[in-house]
Amino acid sequence: MDTNLLIIEACDDLALLKEIAIKEAPATLFIQNQNLHTVRHASVCKTTGELVLTPCPIHPITSPLEHVVATLTKENTALLLDDQGGYVGFVNTEILSAKLLDEYQQMQAYLTTILQTIDESCTVIDRHSNVVYWTKGAEKLFSIKEEEIIGKPITDFFSSDRLEILNSLQTGSSVYHSQHHARNDLVVMINSSPVYYKKEIIGAVVSETDITSQIRLNNELFMTSEKLFTLEEEVRKSLPTVNPFSYIRGNSPALKQTMSIAKKAATTNASILIYGESGVGKELFAKAIHNLREKPNAPFVAINCGAIPSGLFESEIFGYEKGAFSGADQKGKKGKVELARGGTLFLDEIGEMPLEMQVKILRLLQEKKFYPVGGTKEIEADFRVVAATNRDLKELVKEKTFREDLYYRLNVVNFTVPPLRERIEDIIELTHYFLYEISVKYNRPIHGISQAVMQSLLQHSWPGNIRELKNVVERLVVFSENGNIKMDDLPIEIDGLANTFNSITDLQPAPLTVDENLSLSDQLQQYEKDIILRELNKANGNKLQCAKNLNITRATLYNRMNKLGIKL
C-alpha cells in the first residue's frame, strides 16, 4: 500500500487538473465526485503528455486479498478505506506484484532454512515426479547429493515399487509412522502425504527416519535378555541373599530416582507412603523396602483396604476371640496386625479404607496396641507400616473422606512410582523379561519379537501400567504359533496403532557370542561391549551418531567405553 496520495474535488478544468498532477508529483492524484460517489485516478501520460482519468474502485482495508486482486485485473489502481471511512492509501498492480514477490521470497527463505535445519530425510516431488526439495538428512540417508537429484524424476534413483511417495502422488493416500523398506539394507519409519492445491494433487511429501539399527538392536536385546534372565535366575538360586530391588525391572532415570528414594527410606523405621497409579508395582517397592530393613524371616503382611467389606474390616485387621460373633471360628482368629508383629504391615489402597476404621488404625499406629473383636485383653504389636494408594490423599482429606491426622501419621516419608508412560525406555526391557518368563511358564518357546510389534507397544499409553503390559505379553505368548508372535494377536486398543507397521523378518542379526564360563557381571559387560562396537562400526566411528542410535547421551557412551576398555 502507498500512502502518498492527494484527493481533490472534481472540476471541469482539465488543464488545471493536469497542472496539479504534475505539481504534486510524486504524490498520486485522485479526483472525487461527491454527487456520484465515485473516484477517478488522474495521471499524466508519459508518451502524449495528456491527462488520463480512469475509474478507481474503493475497498475497505480489511477486504480479502482475493477481492483486491480481482479488481486490479480490470482497473490498475484501487483506493483503500479505514474503519472510519477515510482514505488511507492506494494499491496498484506494480505495488501488489512487488509485495507478493517479497512475501514469496520470505516464505522461500523460511522453507529453505527449515529444510536445511531438520535432521530427518524429507523429499518433495511435483506432479511430474520431479524432485523439488531434498534435505541434508536425505543426502545422508541415501548418499545422493542435492545437486544430483533436484529437478530430476525420483524414479531415476529409486525403484517405483519402493516409493511410497508415488502412491501419495498418484492415489492421494497418506501414511503415518509406517515401517517401510526403502532399500534391501535400509528400513525407515515413513510419513507420506499428497500436496493439494485447489482440490488437485500437485505433488507429494515424504519424511523418513532410519530405524534399521533399532531393529537390529531390538533383536539383539531379545537374545541378550533371554540369556540374562537365565543367568539371573541361576544367581538368585545360588546366593543366600540378593538385592531386594533386583526384582523391579527397568533402567530409566525416573525409576532409578524412585528406587534411590525408596532405599533411603528403608534405612529408617518411619512410616512410608507410596503413591502410584494402579499396576505400577507399588507392592514390589513395599516388599523391597521390607526385605531391606527387616530380618530374613520377618513377616510381610499385605492388606488390600479396597477389597475387604467394611463389615469385616475390623475382624480382618485385629482378629477376633472365639465366639466373638455368630459364624466366627470357635478357635478364634489372629488379625493381620498380629501376624505382622516384628515385620511389615502393608496397607494397600489405603485411600479406600472405611472412614470408621481410620480412627482405629490411627490409634493402632500411635500406640502399637489393639483389642481383638470380642476380646478384653489388649495386645501389643511391634511392626513397621508401608501404605500405598493410587489416589490423592490430600484431596480426600479436603473432601472429608480421609482423616487428616491419619494422613500425617502415614505420610512421614513418601515417594511416587512413575507410570509406565513416563519411562517408555523400560518397556523394551520389561517386554523381553515377561516374554521369556511367560514362554517358560507355558512351555512355548518364542523366537523373538518384531520391531513392528515393539513399536506398537512403545506407542501405547498403558493406563494399566506394568500389569497391563504383562497381560498383553501373556496374551501374545498364548496365541503364538511356532514361536512367532503375530500383529493380529495384539489387543484391539493396541492393534489400532499396530496397523501402521509391517513385520520384519529379513534383518535378524548374527547372535552375540560370549564365554559362558565368565561371571554374570563379566558376561553382561561383554554383551554390552559387543553391541557398542557394532554400533560404532555402523556409524563409522562417529560417537555422536552411535549415541543417538543407542538412545543414550554422548557422555554416557564415553563413560561406558572407558569402563569397557573401548578405544578408538
Protein backbone atom coordinates (compact mmCIF):
# COMPACT_ATOMS: atom_id res chain seq x y z
CA MET A 1 0.00 0.00 0.00
CA ASP A 2 1.17 3.56 -0.90
CA THR A 3 0.01 6.36 1.41
CA ASN A 4 1.39 9.23 -0.70
CA LEU A 5 -1.88 10.40 -2.30
CA LEU A 6 -3.88 13.62 -2.88
CA ILE A 7 -7.67 13.66 -3.24
CA ILE A 8 -9.43 16.76 -4.64
CA GLU A 9 -12.96 17.65 -5.66
CA ALA A 10 -13.93 17.11 -9.30
CA CYS A 11 -13.75 20.07 -11.71
CA ASP A 12 -14.16 20.58 -15.47
CA ASP A 13 -10.81 22.32 -15.99
CA LEU A 14 -8.61 19.52 -17.29
CA ALA A 15 -5.64 21.83 -17.68
CA LEU A 16 -5.84 22.77 -14.02
CA LEU A 17 -6.07 19.10 -13.04
CA LYS A 18 -3.03 18.34 -15.20
CA GLU A 19 -1.09 21.18 -13.58
CA ILE A 20 -1.97 19.86 -10.09
CA ALA A 21 -0.95 16.30 -11.01
CA ILE A 22 2.46 17.49 -12.24
CA LYS A 23 3.00 19.86 -9.32
CA GLU A 24 2.07 17.35 -6.59
CA ALA A 25 4.19 14.52 -8.00
CA PRO A 26 5.34 12.06 -6.75
CA ALA A 27 2.03 12.08 -4.82
CA THR A 28 -0.71 10.26 -6.74
CA LEU A 29 -3.77 12.40 -7.60
CA PHE A 30 -7.35 11.19 -7.24
CA ILE A 31 -10.47 13.12 -8.34
CA GLN A 32 -13.57 12.66 -6.17
CA ASN A 33 -17.11 13.29 -7.48
CA GLN A 34 -19.26 13.86 -4.38
CA ASN A 35 -22.57 13.70 -6.25
CA LEU A 36 -21.88 10.41 -7.97
CA HIS A 37 -19.81 8.99 -5.07
CA THR A 38 -17.07 7.94 -7.48
CA VAL A 39 -13.33 8.43 -7.59
CA ARG A 40 -11.03 8.58 -10.61
CA HIS A 41 -7.29 8.20 -10.78
CA ALA A 42 -5.54 11.11 -12.52
CA SER A 43 -2.19 10.61 -14.24
CA VAL A 44 -0.17 12.31 -16.99
CA CYS A 45 0.68 10.04 -19.94
CA LYS A 46 4.46 9.95 -20.38
CA THR A 47 4.11 9.49 -24.16
CA THR A 48 1.48 12.09 -25.13
CA GLY A 49 1.59 14.35 -22.07
CA GLU A 50 -2.20 14.22 -21.82
CA LEU A 51 -4.15 13.89 -18.57
CA VAL A 52 -5.65 10.41 -18.21
CA LEU A 53 -8.61 9.80 -15.87
CA THR A 54 -9.51 6.20 -15.05
CA PRO A 55 -12.16 4.82 -12.67
CA CYS A 56 -10.77 3.84 -9.30
CA PRO A 57 -12.56 1.17 -7.25
CA ILE A 58 -12.67 1.54 -3.46
CA HIS A 59 -12.12 -1.24 -0.89
CA PRO A 60 -12.07 -1.36 2.92
CA ILE A 61 -8.53 -2.05 4.09
CA THR A 62 -9.84 -5.25 5.70
CA SER A 63 -11.02 -6.67 2.34
CA PRO A 64 -9.67 -10.12 1.44
CA LEU A 65 -6.65 -10.01 -0.85
CA GLU A 66 -8.53 -12.05 -3.45
CA HIS A 67 -11.13 -9.26 -3.86
CA VAL A 68 -8.47 -6.61 -4.37
CA VAL A 69 -6.59 -8.76 -6.88
CA ALA A 70 -9.82 -9.42 -8.80
CA THR A 71 -10.41 -5.64 -9.00
CA LEU A 72 -6.88 -4.92 -10.23
CA THR A 73 -7.37 -7.27 -13.17
CA LYS A 74 -9.88 -4.70 -14.50
CA GLU A 75 -8.53 -1.40 -13.17
CA ASN A 76 -4.90 -0.54 -12.47
CA THR A 77 -5.41 1.24 -9.13
CA ALA A 78 -7.68 0.77 -6.07
CA LEU A 79 -8.22 3.09 -3.08
CA LEU A 80 -8.32 1.72 0.49
CA LEU A 81 -10.56 2.96 3.33
CA ASP A 82 -10.01 2.68 7.09
CA ASP A 83 -12.70 1.72 9.65
CA GLN A 84 -13.95 5.35 9.80
CA GLY A 85 -14.30 5.60 6.02
CA GLY A 86 -11.23 7.74 5.47
CA TYR A 87 -8.78 7.18 2.63
CA VAL A 88 -5.56 5.65 3.99
CA GLY A 89 -3.75 4.76 0.78
CA PHE A 90 -3.94 3.02 -2.55
CA VAL A 91 -2.59 -0.07 -4.25
CA ASN A 92 -1.85 -0.81 -7.89
CA THR A 93 -0.62 -3.79 -9.86
CA GLU A 94 3.00 -2.69 -9.54
CA ILE A 95 2.83 -2.29 -5.74
CA LEU A 96 0.91 -5.55 -5.31
CA SER A 97 3.32 -7.51 -7.51
CA ALA A 98 6.34 -6.21 -5.58
CA LYS A 99 4.68 -7.02 -2.25
CA LEU A 100 3.66 -10.52 -3.30
CA LEU A 101 7.15 -11.21 -4.66
CA ASP A 102 8.69 -10.06 -1.38
CA GLU A 103 6.31 -12.26 0.64
CA TYR A 104 7.05 -15.22 -1.62
CA GLN A 105 10.80 -14.76 -1.23
CA GLN A 106 10.44 -14.53 2.56
CA MET A 107 8.41 -17.75 2.64
CA GLN A 108 11.02 -19.43 0.45
CA ALA A 109 13.72 -18.30 2.88
CA TYR A 110 11.77 -19.78 5.83
CA LEU A 111 11.14 -23.05 3.98
CA THR A 112 14.75 -23.42 2.84
CA THR A 113 16.04 -22.77 6.35
CA ILE A 114 13.61 -25.29 7.87
CA LEU A 115 14.62 -27.98 5.39
CA GLN A 116 18.31 -27.29 5.94
CA THR A 117 17.88 -27.42 9.74
CA ILE A 118 15.92 -30.62 10.28
CA ASP A 119 17.86 -33.88 10.70
CA GLU A 120 15.23 -36.11 9.11
CA SER A 121 15.17 -37.05 5.48
CA CYS A 122 12.48 -35.01 3.70
CA THR A 123 11.65 -35.26 0.00
CA VAL A 124 9.19 -33.20 -2.07
CA ILE A 125 8.18 -34.01 -5.65
CA ASP A 126 5.96 -32.14 -8.10
CA ARG A 127 3.08 -33.50 -10.17
CA HIS A 128 5.54 -34.91 -12.72
CA SER A 129 7.50 -36.82 -10.04
CA ASN A 130 10.44 -34.42 -10.31
CA VAL A 131 12.30 -33.76 -7.04
CA VAL A 132 11.65 -30.22 -5.77
CA TYR A 133 13.27 -30.42 -2.31
CA TRP A 134 15.92 -32.80 -0.96
CA THR A 135 17.19 -32.23 2.59
CA LYS A 136 20.59 -32.86 4.16
CA GLY A 137 19.01 -35.77 6.02
CA ALA A 138 18.03 -37.32 2.66
CA GLU A 139 21.58 -36.84 1.38
CA LYS A 140 22.95 -38.65 4.43
CA LEU A 141 20.37 -41.45 4.38
CA PHE A 142 20.52 -42.26 0.65
CA SER A 143 24.03 -40.97 -0.26
CA ILE A 144 22.68 -38.80 -3.07
CA LYS A 145 23.68 -35.14 -3.25
CA GLU A 146 21.07 -32.41 -3.64
CA GLU A 147 22.58 -31.11 -6.89
CA GLU A 148 22.41 -34.61 -8.38
CA ILE A 149 18.69 -35.16 -7.83
CA ILE A 150 16.90 -31.77 -7.79
CA GLY A 151 14.75 -31.29 -10.89
CA LYS A 152 15.04 -34.91 -11.98
CA PRO A 153 12.44 -37.71 -11.78
CA ILE A 154 12.73 -39.56 -8.48
CA THR A 155 12.23 -42.83 -10.37
CA ASP A 156 15.69 -42.30 -11.93
CA PHE A 157 17.17 -43.01 -8.50
CA PHE A 158 14.76 -45.43 -6.81
CA SER A 159 12.62 -48.37 -7.88
CA SER A 160 8.97 -47.38 -8.31
CA ASP A 161 7.71 -50.24 -6.16
CA ARG A 162 9.73 -48.89 -3.18
CA LEU A 163 8.48 -45.30 -3.47
CA GLU A 164 5.61 -44.64 -1.06
CA ILE A 165 5.68 -41.01 -2.19
CA LEU A 166 4.42 -42.11 -5.62
CA ASN A 167 1.35 -43.70 -4.01
CA SER A 168 0.58 -40.37 -2.35
CA LEU A 169 1.03 -38.53 -5.66
CA GLN A 170 -0.99 -40.95 -7.77
CA THR A 171 -3.76 -42.03 -5.37
CA GLY A 172 -3.82 -39.30 -2.71
CA SER A 173 -3.09 -41.84 0.04
CA SER A 174 -1.28 -40.86 3.25
CA VAL A 175 0.68 -42.94 5.72
CA TYR A 176 1.87 -42.07 9.23
CA HIS A 177 4.61 -43.85 11.18
CA SER A 178 4.63 -46.74 8.72
CA GLN A 179 7.58 -49.10 8.60
CA HIS A 180 8.97 -49.19 5.07
CA HIS A 181 11.80 -50.90 3.16
CA ALA A 182 13.48 -48.05 1.29
CA ARG A 183 16.22 -50.46 0.14
CA ASN A 184 17.11 -54.07 0.84
CA ASP A 185 19.51 -52.94 3.58
CA LEU A 186 17.51 -49.97 4.87
CA VAL A 187 14.30 -49.80 6.92
CA VAL A 188 12.73 -46.43 7.66
CA MET A 189 9.79 -45.05 9.61
CA ILE A 190 7.90 -43.06 7.00
CA ASN A 191 5.26 -40.31 6.81
CA SER A 192 3.85 -39.51 3.38
CA SER A 193 1.14 -37.09 2.22
CA PRO A 194 -0.09 -35.59 -1.08
CA VAL A 195 0.10 -31.82 -1.69
CA TYR A 196 -3.29 -30.35 -2.62
CA TYR A 197 -3.93 -27.03 -4.37
CA LYS A 198 -7.47 -26.08 -5.38
CA LYS A 199 -8.60 -29.66 -4.70
CA GLU A 200 -5.99 -31.01 -7.13
CA ILE A 201 -2.87 -33.02 -6.25
CA ILE A 202 0.17 -31.06 -7.38
CA GLY A 203 2.88 -33.04 -5.60
CA ALA A 204 3.75 -35.16 -2.58
CA VAL A 205 5.93 -35.00 0.52
CA VAL A 206 7.64 -37.78 2.43
CA SER A 207 9.75 -37.79 5.60
CA GLU A 208 11.84 -40.78 6.64
CA THR A 209 13.75 -41.80 9.76
CA ASP A 210 16.28 -44.62 9.66
CA ILE A 211 15.33 -47.37 12.16
CA THR A 212 17.48 -50.17 10.76
CA SER A 213 19.84 -50.10 13.74
CA GLN A 214 16.90 -50.01 16.16
CA ILE A 215 15.52 -53.20 14.63
CA ARG A 216 18.87 -54.94 14.91
CA LEU A 217 19.36 -53.75 18.47
CA ASN A 218 15.86 -54.89 19.37
CA ASN A 219 16.60 -58.39 18.13
CA GLU A 220 19.97 -58.43 19.85
CA LEU A 221 18.37 -57.23 23.06
CA PHE A 222 15.86 -60.06 22.93
CA MET A 223 18.59 -62.68 22.70
CA THR A 224 20.62 -60.91 25.38
CA SER A 225 17.59 -60.65 27.68
CA GLU A 226 16.86 -64.35 27.27
CA LYS A 227 20.40 -65.21 28.30
CA LEU A 228 20.33 -62.65 31.12
CA PHE A 229 17.08 -64.00 32.52
CA THR A 230 18.51 -67.49 32.78
CA LEU A 231 21.72 -66.25 34.37
CA GLU A 232 19.88 -64.11 36.92
CA GLU A 233 17.65 -66.95 37.97
CA GLU A 234 20.69 -69.16 38.48
CA VAL A 235 22.38 -66.45 40.54
CA ARG A 236 19.30 -65.98 42.73
CA LYS A 237 19.19 -69.70 43.45
CA SER A 238 22.88 -69.91 44.32
CA LEU A 239 23.18 -66.82 46.55
CA PRO A 240 21.70 -66.68 50.06
CA THR A 241 20.77 -63.00 49.75
CA VAL A 242 20.08 -60.74 46.79
CA ASN A 243 19.40 -57.07 46.23
CA PRO A 244 15.72 -56.64 47.22
CA PHE A 245 15.25 -54.14 44.38
CA SER A 246 16.57 -56.53 41.72
CA TYR A 247 13.02 -57.74 41.01
CA ILE A 248 12.00 -54.22 39.97
CA ARG A 249 12.75 -54.13 36.24
CA GLY A 250 13.89 -51.05 34.36
CA ASN A 251 16.80 -48.67 34.00
CA SER A 252 15.08 -45.37 33.21
CA PRO A 253 16.23 -42.27 35.10
CA ALA A 254 12.75 -41.83 36.61
CA LEU A 255 12.73 -45.38 38.01
CA LYS A 256 16.31 -45.16 39.28
CA GLN A 257 15.49 -41.95 41.14
CA THR A 258 12.44 -43.58 42.73
CA MET A 259 14.48 -46.61 43.83
CA SER A 260 17.12 -44.30 45.31
CA ILE A 261 14.46 -42.58 47.44
CA ALA A 262 12.97 -45.94 48.47
CA LYS A 263 16.38 -47.26 49.55
CA LYS A 264 16.98 -44.18 51.72
CA ALA A 265 13.53 -44.55 53.27
CA ALA A 266 14.25 -48.21 54.03
CA THR A 267 17.15 -47.23 56.32
CA THR A 268 14.64 -45.91 58.88
CA ASN A 269 11.66 -47.30 60.79
CA ALA A 270 9.47 -44.39 59.66
CA SER A 271 6.05 -44.95 58.11
CA ILE A 272 6.29 -44.85 54.31
CA LEU A 273 3.54 -43.78 51.90
CA ILE A 274 3.84 -44.93 48.28
CA TYR A 275 1.87 -43.10 45.59
CA GLY A 276 1.33 -44.50 42.11
CA GLU A 277 -1.26 -45.47 39.54
CA SER A 278 -2.76 -48.94 39.52
CA GLY A 279 -0.35 -51.52 38.13
CA VAL A 280 2.94 -49.60 38.55
CA GLY A 281 4.33 -52.05 41.10
CA LYS A 282 3.73 -50.34 44.46
CA GLU A 283 3.69 -53.69 46.28
CA LEU A 284 7.04 -54.65 44.75
CA PHE A 285 8.53 -51.48 46.24
CA ALA A 286 6.88 -52.23 49.59
CA LYS A 287 8.35 -55.76 49.61
CA ALA A 288 11.80 -54.44 48.61
CA ILE A 289 11.72 -51.92 51.47
CA HIS A 290 10.62 -54.69 53.87
CA ASN A 291 13.39 -57.03 52.74
CA LEU A 292 15.97 -54.28 53.06
CA ARG A 293 15.17 -53.20 56.61
CA GLU A 294 13.79 -56.34 58.25
CA LYS A 295 15.34 -59.62 59.30
CA PRO A 296 15.23 -62.51 56.80
CA ASN A 297 12.27 -64.29 58.44
CA ALA A 298 10.30 -61.17 59.35
CA PRO A 299 6.66 -61.34 58.16
CA PHE A 300 5.30 -59.18 55.36
CA VAL A 301 1.53 -58.92 55.69
CA ALA A 302 -0.45 -57.15 52.97
CA ILE A 303 -3.99 -55.82 53.32
CA ASN A 304 -5.96 -54.52 50.36
CA CYS A 305 -8.10 -51.86 52.02
CA GLY A 306 -10.37 -51.64 48.99
CA ALA A 307 -11.14 -55.36 48.76
CA ILE A 308 -12.40 -56.07 52.30
CA PRO A 309 -16.09 -55.32 53.01
CA SER A 310 -16.43 -52.62 55.68
CA GLY A 311 -18.35 -55.00 57.93
CA LEU A 312 -15.45 -57.46 58.03
CA PHE A 313 -12.64 -54.95 58.08
CA GLU A 314 -12.17 -54.80 61.86
CA SER A 315 -12.11 -58.57 62.31
CA GLU A 316 -9.63 -58.95 59.41
CA ILE A 317 -7.30 -56.30 60.82
CA PHE A 318 -7.49 -57.08 64.54
CA GLY A 319 -8.73 -60.69 64.52
CA TYR A 320 -11.35 -61.98 66.96
CA GLU A 321 -11.74 -64.12 70.04
CA LYS A 322 -13.58 -67.42 69.92
CA GLY A 323 -17.35 -66.97 69.92
CA ALA A 324 -16.98 -63.26 69.28
CA PHE A 325 -19.91 -63.30 66.84
CA SER A 326 -22.24 -65.68 65.08
CA GLY A 327 -20.38 -67.76 62.49
CA ALA A 328 -16.96 -66.99 63.96
CA ASP A 329 -14.32 -69.70 64.13
CA GLN A 330 -14.59 -71.40 67.54
CA LYS A 331 -10.85 -71.21 67.93
CA GLY A 332 -10.73 -67.51 67.20
CA LYS A 333 -8.52 -65.92 64.54
CA LYS A 334 -5.42 -63.79 64.57
CA GLY A 335 -5.70 -60.49 62.75
CA LYS A 336 -3.33 -59.10 60.14
CA VAL A 337 -1.79 -56.76 62.72
CA GLU A 338 -0.79 -59.61 65.00
CA LEU A 339 0.55 -61.62 62.09
CA ALA A 340 2.74 -58.65 61.10
CA ARG A 341 4.42 -58.48 64.52
CA GLY A 342 8.16 -57.96 64.07
CA GLY A 343 7.76 -57.24 60.37
CA THR A 344 5.86 -55.02 57.94
CA LEU A 345 2.17 -54.26 57.67
CA PHE A 346 1.43 -53.18 54.08
CA LEU A 347 -1.79 -51.18 53.77
CA ASP A 348 -2.51 -51.26 50.05
CA GLU A 349 -5.12 -48.87 48.59
CA ILE A 350 -5.21 -47.01 51.91
CA GLY A 351 -7.44 -44.36 50.36
CA GLU A 352 -10.27 -46.92 50.19
CA MET A 353 -10.25 -47.63 53.93
CA PRO A 354 -13.69 -47.08 55.54
CA LEU A 355 -13.82 -43.82 57.47
CA GLU A 356 -14.99 -45.53 60.66
CA MET A 357 -11.91 -47.78 60.62
CA GLN A 358 -9.46 -44.93 60.16
CA VAL A 359 -9.66 -43.74 63.76
CA LYS A 360 -8.90 -47.27 64.99
CA ILE A 361 -5.95 -47.60 62.63
CA LEU A 362 -4.69 -44.22 63.82
CA ARG A 363 -4.76 -45.40 67.44
CA LEU A 364 -3.03 -48.63 66.42
CA LEU A 365 -0.22 -46.73 64.70
CA GLN A 366 0.20 -44.39 67.67
CA GLU A 367 0.17 -46.95 70.48
CA LYS A 368 1.01 -50.23 68.71
CA LYS A 369 -1.71 -51.84 70.83
CA PHE A 370 -5.14 -53.20 69.94
CA TYR A 371 -8.10 -55.26 71.14
CA PRO A 372 -9.30 -58.23 69.05
CA VAL A 373 -13.02 -58.21 68.24
CA GLY A 374 -14.79 -59.57 71.32
CA GLY A 375 -11.56 -59.51 73.33
CA THR A 376 -10.92 -57.82 76.68
CA LYS A 377 -7.15 -58.12 76.75
CA GLU A 378 -5.05 -55.52 74.98
CA ILE A 379 -2.37 -56.98 72.68
CA GLU A 380 0.91 -55.28 71.78
CA ALA A 381 2.25 -55.48 68.24
CA ASP A 382 5.54 -54.02 67.07
CA PHE A 383 5.58 -53.57 63.30
CA ARG A 384 6.56 -51.11 60.58
CA VAL A 385 3.95 -49.60 58.26
CA VAL A 386 4.10 -49.13 54.50
CA ALA A 387 0.97 -47.76 52.85
CA ALA A 388 0.16 -47.32 49.18
CA THR A 389 -2.55 -45.55 47.20
CA ASN A 390 -3.45 -44.55 43.68
CA ARG A 391 -5.50 -41.61 44.94
CA ASP A 392 -4.57 -38.11 46.11
CA LEU A 393 -4.91 -38.34 49.90
CA LYS A 394 -4.73 -34.54 50.25
CA GLU A 395 -7.85 -34.24 48.12
CA LEU A 396 -9.56 -36.96 50.16
CA VAL A 397 -8.71 -35.02 53.31
CA LYS A 398 -10.31 -31.90 51.81
CA GLU A 399 -13.37 -33.97 50.88
CA LYS A 400 -13.58 -35.25 54.50
CA THR A 401 -13.34 -38.87 53.35
CA PHE A 402 -9.88 -39.41 54.86
CA ARG A 403 -8.77 -38.34 58.31
CA GLU A 404 -6.18 -35.59 58.34
CA ASP A 405 -4.44 -36.92 61.47
CA LEU A 406 -4.12 -40.37 59.90
CA TYR A 407 -2.73 -38.81 56.72
CA TYR A 408 0.07 -37.07 58.62
CA ARG A 409 0.76 -40.22 60.62
CA LEU A 410 1.27 -42.22 57.42
CA ASN A 411 2.96 -39.50 55.39
CA VAL A 412 6.30 -39.41 57.22
CA VAL A 413 8.21 -40.41 54.08
CA ASN A 414 6.56 -40.59 50.67
CA PHE A 415 7.50 -41.12 47.05
CA THR A 416 5.70 -41.73 43.77
CA VAL A 417 6.30 -44.70 41.48
CA PRO A 418 6.28 -43.26 37.93
CA PRO A 419 3.73 -44.67 35.46
CA LEU A 420 4.99 -46.70 32.53
CA ARG A 421 4.21 -43.93 30.02
CA GLU A 422 6.76 -41.72 31.80
CA ARG A 423 9.52 -44.32 31.48
CA ILE A 424 8.99 -45.62 27.96
CA GLU A 425 12.59 -46.81 27.76
CA ASP A 426 11.71 -49.53 30.30
CA ILE A 427 9.03 -51.04 28.05
CA ILE A 428 11.58 -52.90 25.91
CA GLU A 429 13.33 -54.49 28.90
CA LEU A 430 10.06 -55.37 30.63
CA THR A 431 8.61 -56.83 27.44
CA HIS A 432 11.58 -59.11 26.85
CA TYR A 433 11.64 -60.16 30.51
CA PHE A 434 7.93 -61.03 30.58
CA LEU A 435 8.17 -62.67 27.18
CA TYR A 436 10.79 -65.12 28.32
CA GLU A 437 9.27 -65.65 31.78
CA ILE A 438 5.83 -66.43 30.37
CA SER A 439 7.18 -68.54 27.49
CA VAL A 440 8.86 -70.74 30.12
CA LYS A 441 5.66 -70.84 32.17
CA TYR A 442 3.59 -72.10 29.22
CA ASN A 443 6.44 -74.09 27.66
CA ARG A 444 6.05 -72.10 24.44
CA PRO A 445 9.49 -71.09 23.10
CA ILE A 446 9.40 -67.70 21.39
CA HIS A 447 11.91 -66.87 18.64
CA GLY A 448 11.72 -63.13 19.20
CA ILE A 449 9.53 -60.08 18.86
CA SER A 450 9.42 -57.99 15.70
CA GLN A 451 10.12 -54.27 15.55
CA ALA A 452 6.57 -53.73 14.32
CA VAL A 453 5.04 -55.27 17.46
CA MET A 454 7.56 -53.49 19.68
CA GLN A 455 6.79 -50.11 18.09
CA SER A 456 3.09 -50.71 18.78
CA LEU A 457 3.86 -51.44 22.44
CA LEU A 458 6.06 -48.35 22.70
CA GLN A 459 3.31 -46.08 21.36
CA HIS A 460 0.57 -47.35 23.67
CA SER A 461 -0.23 -45.12 26.69
CA TRP A 462 -0.50 -48.10 29.15
CA PRO A 463 -3.25 -46.90 31.50
CA GLY A 464 -2.87 -50.24 33.33
CA ASN A 465 0.91 -49.78 33.51
CA ILE A 466 3.17 -52.82 34.07
CA ARG A 467 0.25 -55.07 34.98
CA GLU A 468 -1.35 -54.30 31.63
CA LEU A 469 1.94 -54.83 29.78
CA LYS A 470 2.42 -58.26 31.39
CA ASN A 471 -1.14 -59.25 30.48
CA VAL A 472 -0.57 -58.18 26.86
CA VAL A 473 2.69 -60.15 26.64
CA GLU A 474 0.97 -63.20 28.15
CA ARG A 475 -1.74 -62.89 25.52
CA LEU A 476 0.89 -62.75 22.77
CA VAL A 477 2.60 -65.88 24.08
CA VAL A 478 -0.68 -67.77 24.48
CA PHE A 479 -1.71 -67.04 20.88
CA SER A 480 1.76 -67.52 19.38
CA GLU A 481 2.24 -70.24 16.77
CA ASN A 482 5.55 -71.97 16.05
CA GLY A 483 7.38 -69.46 18.19
CA ASN A 484 6.11 -66.48 16.16
CA ILE A 485 4.24 -63.52 17.63
CA LYS A 486 1.68 -62.04 15.25
CA MET A 487 0.47 -58.47 15.00
CA ASP A 488 -3.11 -59.76 14.85
CA ASP A 489 -2.79 -61.07 18.42
CA LEU A 490 -2.34 -57.61 19.92
CA PRO A 491 -5.38 -56.36 21.89
CA ILE A 492 -7.68 -54.11 19.90
CA GLU A 493 -6.66 -50.94 21.80
CA ILE A 494 -3.03 -51.55 20.83
CA ASP A 495 -3.81 -53.09 17.44
CA GLY A 496 -5.14 -49.69 16.35
CA LEU A 497 -1.54 -48.46 16.44
CA ALA A 498 -0.16 -51.68 15.06
CA ASN A 499 -1.88 -51.35 11.69
CA THR A 500 0.72 -48.82 10.54
CA PHE A 501 3.61 -51.27 10.86
CA ASN A 502 4.80 -54.16 8.74
CA SER A 503 6.60 -57.18 10.13
CA ILE A 504 10.34 -57.50 9.51
CA THR A 505 11.86 -60.94 9.09
CA ASP A 506 14.98 -60.41 6.99
CA LEU A 507 17.03 -58.38 9.44
CA GLN A 508 17.81 -60.99 12.07
CA PRO A 509 21.33 -60.22 13.35
CA ALA A 510 24.00 -62.80 13.96
CA PRO A 511 23.83 -63.94 17.60
CA LEU A 512 26.33 -62.48 20.05
CA THR A 513 28.84 -64.94 21.42
CA VAL A 514 30.26 -64.87 24.92
CA ASP A 515 32.25 -67.19 27.19
CA GLU A 516 29.66 -68.83 29.43
CA ASN A 517 32.35 -69.65 31.99
CA LEU A 518 32.64 -65.95 32.89
CA SER A 519 30.79 -64.44 35.85
CA LEU A 520 27.40 -62.80 35.31
CA SER A 521 28.91 -59.32 35.51
CA ASP A 522 31.66 -60.14 33.00
CA GLN A 523 29.20 -61.73 30.56
CA LEU A 524 26.91 -58.69 30.69
CA GLN A 525 29.88 -56.37 30.07
CA GLN A 526 30.90 -58.50 27.09
CA TYR A 527 27.40 -58.27 25.63
CA GLU A 528 27.40 -54.51 26.13
CA LYS A 529 30.86 -54.15 24.61
CA ASP A 530 29.84 -56.15 21.51
CA ILE A 531 26.75 -54.03 20.97
CA ILE A 532 28.64 -50.73 21.34
CA LEU A 533 31.43 -51.88 18.99
CA ARG A 534 28.87 -52.96 16.41
CA GLU A 535 27.08 -49.60 16.57
CA LEU A 536 30.37 -47.68 16.39
CA ASN A 537 31.25 -49.68 13.29
CA LYS A 538 27.89 -48.89 11.66
CA ALA A 539 28.37 -45.21 12.50
CA ASN A 540 31.91 -45.26 11.02
CA GLY A 541 33.33 -44.30 14.41
CA ASN A 542 31.02 -41.28 14.82
CA LYS A 543 30.39 -41.30 18.56
CA LEU A 544 27.54 -38.76 18.43
CA GLN A 545 25.67 -40.81 15.83
CA CYS A 546 26.40 -44.01 17.79
CA ALA A 547 24.96 -42.44 20.96
CA LYS A 548 21.83 -41.37 19.06
CA ASN A 549 21.37 -44.88 17.65
CA LEU A 550 21.67 -46.35 21.16
CA ASN A 551 19.32 -43.67 22.57
CA ILE A 552 21.87 -42.53 25.17
CA THR A 553 23.81 -39.32 25.68
CA ARG A 554 27.32 -38.93 24.29
CA ALA A 555 28.64 -38.54 27.86
CA THR A 556 27.09 -41.91 28.80
CA LEU A 557 28.66 -43.51 25.72
CA TYR A 558 32.11 -42.18 26.65
CA ASN A 559 31.72 -43.43 30.22
CA ARG A 560 30.70 -46.91 29.06
CA MET A 561 33.54 -47.04 26.53
CA ASN A 562 36.09 -46.11 29.20
CA LYS A 563 34.71 -48.72 31.59
CA LEU A 564 34.68 -51.43 28.92
CA GLY A 565 38.14 -50.51 27.59
CA ILE A 566 36.93 -49.49 24.12
CA LYS A 567 39.39 -47.14 22.42
CA LEU A 568 39.06 -45.50 19.01
